[in-house]
Amino acid sequence: MTLRPLSAPERAAALNKAAAARAARAAAKDRLKNGMTSAGDLIAAAGADDALARMRVVELLESLPGIGKVRAAAIMEQLGIAASRRIRGLGIHQRQALVDFIDEK
């Protein structure tokens, strides 16, 4: 199934929406990095914010101080979360395990 071509105004609106979503995710990661919000709060906020819901879990982990790509991958493997998983796609138990793990550290 192919998508219909977008008109110029539709394309501009889509580009603006995508830019706003990227800015919202970047702001959330910055707040997380600076300790202004917790991972649990960010995950809870993703329930109402579509831009945050589409953030990859690995990006959330890498935003935490002291966690890089290798450690984030190890945490996700330990918790049984797929590398491509987004916050929206986490199950109840995965969310709780992630929040508990982050709170312990």
Protein backbone atom coordinates (compact mmCIF):
# COMPACT_ATOMS: atom_id res chain seq x y z
CA MET A 1 0.00 0.00 0.00
CA THR A 2 1.49 3.31 -1.01
CA LEU A 3 0.81 6.58 0.68
CA ARG A 4 -0.65 9.43 -1.26
CA PRO A 5 1.69 12.34 -1.92
CA LEU A 6 1.34 15.21 0.50
CA SER A 7 0.51 18.70 -0.62
CA ALA A 8 2.92 21.49 0.28
CA PRO A 9 0.89 22.68 3.31
CA GLU A 10 0.43 19.10 4.57
CA ARG A 11 4.15 18.45 4.19
CA ALA A 12 5.02 21.65 6.04
CA ALA A 13 2.62 20.75 8.85
CA ALA A 14 4.14 17.27 9.13
CA LEU A 15 7.66 18.70 9.24
CA ASN A 16 6.65 21.16 11.97
CA LYS A 17 4.99 18.38 13.98
CA ALA A 18 8.11 16.20 13.71
CA ALA A 19 10.37 19.07 14.76
CA ALA A 20 8.17 19.79 17.78
CA ALA A 21 8.26 16.12 18.79
CA ARG A 22 12.08 16.02 18.52
CA ALA A 23 12.31 19.20 20.61
CA ALA A 24 10.00 17.74 23.27
CA ARG A 25 12.08 14.55 23.48
CA ALA A 26 15.32 16.55 23.67
CA ALA A 27 13.92 18.74 26.45
CA ALA A 28 12.78 15.67 28.40
CA LYS A 29 16.20 14.03 28.04
CA ASP A 30 17.87 17.26 29.19
CA ARG A 31 15.60 17.46 32.27
CA LEU A 32 16.43 13.83 33.04
CA LYS A 33 20.16 14.41 32.60
CA ASN A 34 20.14 17.46 34.88
CA GLY A 35 18.11 15.69 37.58
CA MET A 36 15.07 17.93 37.17
CA THR A 37 12.81 14.90 36.65
CA SER A 38 12.99 11.19 37.37
CA ALA A 39 12.78 8.32 34.93
CA GLY A 40 9.54 7.20 36.56
CA ASP A 41 7.98 10.62 36.04
CA LEU A 42 9.12 10.65 32.41
CA ILE A 43 7.68 7.20 31.77
CA ALA A 44 4.41 8.22 33.44
CA ALA A 45 4.26 11.42 31.36
CA ALA A 46 4.71 9.33 28.21
CA GLY A 47 1.21 7.98 28.75
CA ALA A 48 -0.25 11.37 27.88
CA ASP A 49 2.46 12.77 25.57
CA ASP A 50 2.78 11.07 22.19
CA ALA A 51 6.24 12.54 21.56
CA LEU A 52 7.61 11.04 24.78
CA ALA A 53 5.85 7.74 24.14
CA ARG A 54 7.83 7.39 20.92
CA MET A 55 11.21 7.82 22.64
CA ARG A 56 13.37 4.71 22.56
CA VAL A 57 14.13 3.21 25.96
CA VAL A 58 17.83 3.12 25.17
CA GLU A 59 17.76 6.91 24.62
CA LEU A 60 16.10 7.34 28.01
CA LEU A 61 18.82 5.26 29.68
CA GLU A 62 21.64 7.04 27.86
CA SER A 63 20.25 10.35 29.13
CA LEU A 64 20.94 9.31 32.70
CA PRO A 65 24.27 10.47 34.15
CA GLY A 66 26.90 7.74 34.07
CA ILE A 67 25.15 5.53 31.54
CA GLY A 68 26.50 5.25 28.03
CA LYS A 69 25.72 3.04 25.06
CA VAL A 70 27.35 -0.12 26.43
CA ARG A 71 25.87 0.13 29.91
CA ALA A 72 22.42 0.99 28.52
CA ALA A 73 22.54 -2.09 26.28
CA ALA A 74 23.58 -4.26 29.24
CA ILE A 75 20.76 -2.88 31.41
CA MET A 76 18.19 -3.53 28.70
CA GLU A 77 19.45 -7.08 28.22
CA GLN A 78 19.37 -7.69 31.98
CA LEU A 79 15.78 -6.45 32.18
CA GLY A 80 14.68 -8.36 29.07
CA ILE A 81 13.81 -5.28 27.03
CA ALA A 82 14.45 -5.37 23.28
CA ALA A 83 16.92 -2.82 21.91
CA SER A 84 14.34 -1.34 19.55
CA ARG A 85 11.63 -0.92 22.22
CA ARG A 86 10.00 2.46 22.70
CA ILE A 87 8.50 3.69 25.96
CA ARG A 88 4.99 3.17 24.59
CA GLY A 89 5.76 -0.48 23.89
CA LEU A 90 6.84 -1.37 27.42
CA GLY A 91 4.64 -3.73 29.36
CA ILE A 92 3.59 -3.08 32.95
CA HIS A 93 6.25 -5.37 34.40
CA GLN A 94 8.97 -3.97 32.11
CA ARG A 95 8.10 -0.41 33.14
CA GLN A 96 8.20 -1.31 36.81
CA ALA A 97 11.48 -3.23 36.44
CA LEU A 98 13.04 -0.29 34.60
CA VAL A 99 11.92 2.27 37.18
CA ASP A 100 13.03 0.02 40.07
CA PHE A 101 16.43 -0.54 38.45
CA ILE A 102 16.99 3.18 37.87
CA ASP A 103 15.83 4.08 41.39
CA GLU A 104 18.29 1.56 42.88
CA LYS A 105 21.16 3.21 41.08
